[in-house]
Every structure is written in structure tokens, then in C-alpha cells.
Amino acid sequence: MKLGNHLRRLRFEHGNLSQQALANQVGVTRLTIHSIETGKFNPSTLLAMKLARFFELPVEEVFFIIDED
């Protein structure tokens, strides 16, 4: 199983928000946001919750499980 996310789409829906601007809002680096968006890094529970809170969504609407068969 892998963790997928809607961060890129959500950033664009929130006024074309840059990775850097989102990173600043949740206290991480731009590279961290990029790595999460591309599936190279799974966020901690705390960071996932911060991201969901920023977008005013439940965490399960930002992140989802991808079943790999």
C-alpha cells in the first residue's frame, strides 16, 4: 500500500498556492511539500493533520491509501 494525496490540486484550488507558501504555513521546507506530493515521503501524522487543517478538510480528504496488487 502507498499513501496518495491531493495536495497539488488543493494548492491550485486555493489561489494557485506555491509549494513554498504552503510549506511556510505548516512549518516545513518546500522540498518536504514536493516530496509528499510526488509520493517520495510520507508525512508524520502531525504534519498530515496540519496540512488538512490548513485546507479546512478532514485528513482523509487530503490523503488516501493506494492499494497495490
Protein backbone atom coordinates (compact mmCIF):
# COMPACT_ATOMS: atom_id res chain seq x y z
CA MET A 1 0.00 0.00 0.00
CA LYS A 2 1.05 3.56 -0.71
CA LEU A 3 -0.18 6.89 0.56
CA GLY A 4 -1.63 9.18 -2.09
CA ASN A 5 -2.61 12.81 -1.68
CA HIS A 6 -4.47 15.70 -3.27
CA LEU A 7 -2.01 18.41 -2.20
CA ARG A 8 -1.17 19.67 -5.68
CA ARG A 9 -4.84 20.00 -6.65
CA LEU A 10 -5.69 21.64 -3.33
CA ARG A 11 -2.87 24.17 -3.73
CA PHE A 12 -4.20 25.20 -7.13
CA GLU A 13 -7.77 25.38 -5.83
CA HIS A 14 -6.55 27.74 -3.10
CA GLY A 15 -5.40 30.51 -5.40
CA ASN A 16 -2.53 28.75 -7.13
CA LEU A 17 -0.64 28.50 -3.82
CA SER A 18 3.06 27.72 -4.29
CA GLN A 19 4.80 24.83 -2.58
CA GLN A 20 6.88 27.39 -0.67
CA ALA A 21 3.82 29.28 0.56
CA LEU A 22 2.20 26.06 1.78
CA ALA A 23 5.46 24.97 3.40
CA ASN A 24 5.67 28.29 5.27
CA GLN A 25 2.10 27.88 6.53
CA VAL A 26 2.74 24.44 8.04
CA GLY A 27 6.36 24.92 9.15
CA VAL A 28 8.28 22.68 6.74
CA THR A 29 10.52 23.16 3.70
CA ARG A 30 9.40 23.41 0.10
CA LEU A 31 11.28 20.17 -0.57
CA THR A 32 9.14 18.39 2.05
CA ILE A 33 5.95 19.51 0.31
CA HIS A 34 7.37 18.45 -3.07
CA SER A 35 8.40 15.06 -1.69
CA ILE A 36 4.95 14.45 -0.21
CA GLU A 37 3.21 15.49 -3.44
CA THR A 38 5.34 13.13 -5.52
CA GLY A 39 4.97 10.20 -3.11
CA LYS A 40 8.64 10.11 -2.12
CA PHE A 41 7.89 10.94 1.52
CA ASN A 42 5.01 10.07 3.83
CA PRO A 43 4.22 12.86 6.29
CA SER A 44 4.04 12.31 10.01
CA THR A 45 0.57 12.18 11.50
CA LEU A 46 1.09 15.67 12.90
CA LEU A 47 2.13 17.12 9.54
CA ALA A 48 -0.77 15.39 7.76
CA MET A 49 -3.14 16.94 10.28
CA LYS A 50 -1.55 20.40 9.88
CA LEU A 51 -1.98 20.18 6.11
CA ALA A 52 -5.60 19.07 6.45
CA ARG A 53 -6.29 21.87 8.92
CA PHE A 54 -4.77 24.43 6.57
CA PHE A 55 -7.14 23.34 3.79
CA GLU A 56 -10.03 23.04 6.28
CA LEU A 57 -10.63 19.41 5.32
CA PRO A 58 -10.64 16.09 7.14
CA VAL A 59 -7.27 14.37 6.77
CA GLU A 60 -8.87 11.55 4.76
CA GLU A 61 -9.90 14.09 2.09
CA VAL A 62 -6.29 15.18 1.69
CA PHE A 63 -4.61 11.76 1.94
CA PHE A 64 -5.76 8.33 0.77
CA ILE A 65 -4.45 4.77 0.53
CA ILE A 66 -3.49 3.31 -2.83
CA ASP A 67 -3.79 -0.48 -2.89
CA GLU A 68 -1.01 -2.11 -4.88
CA ASP A 69 -1.70 -5.59 -6.17
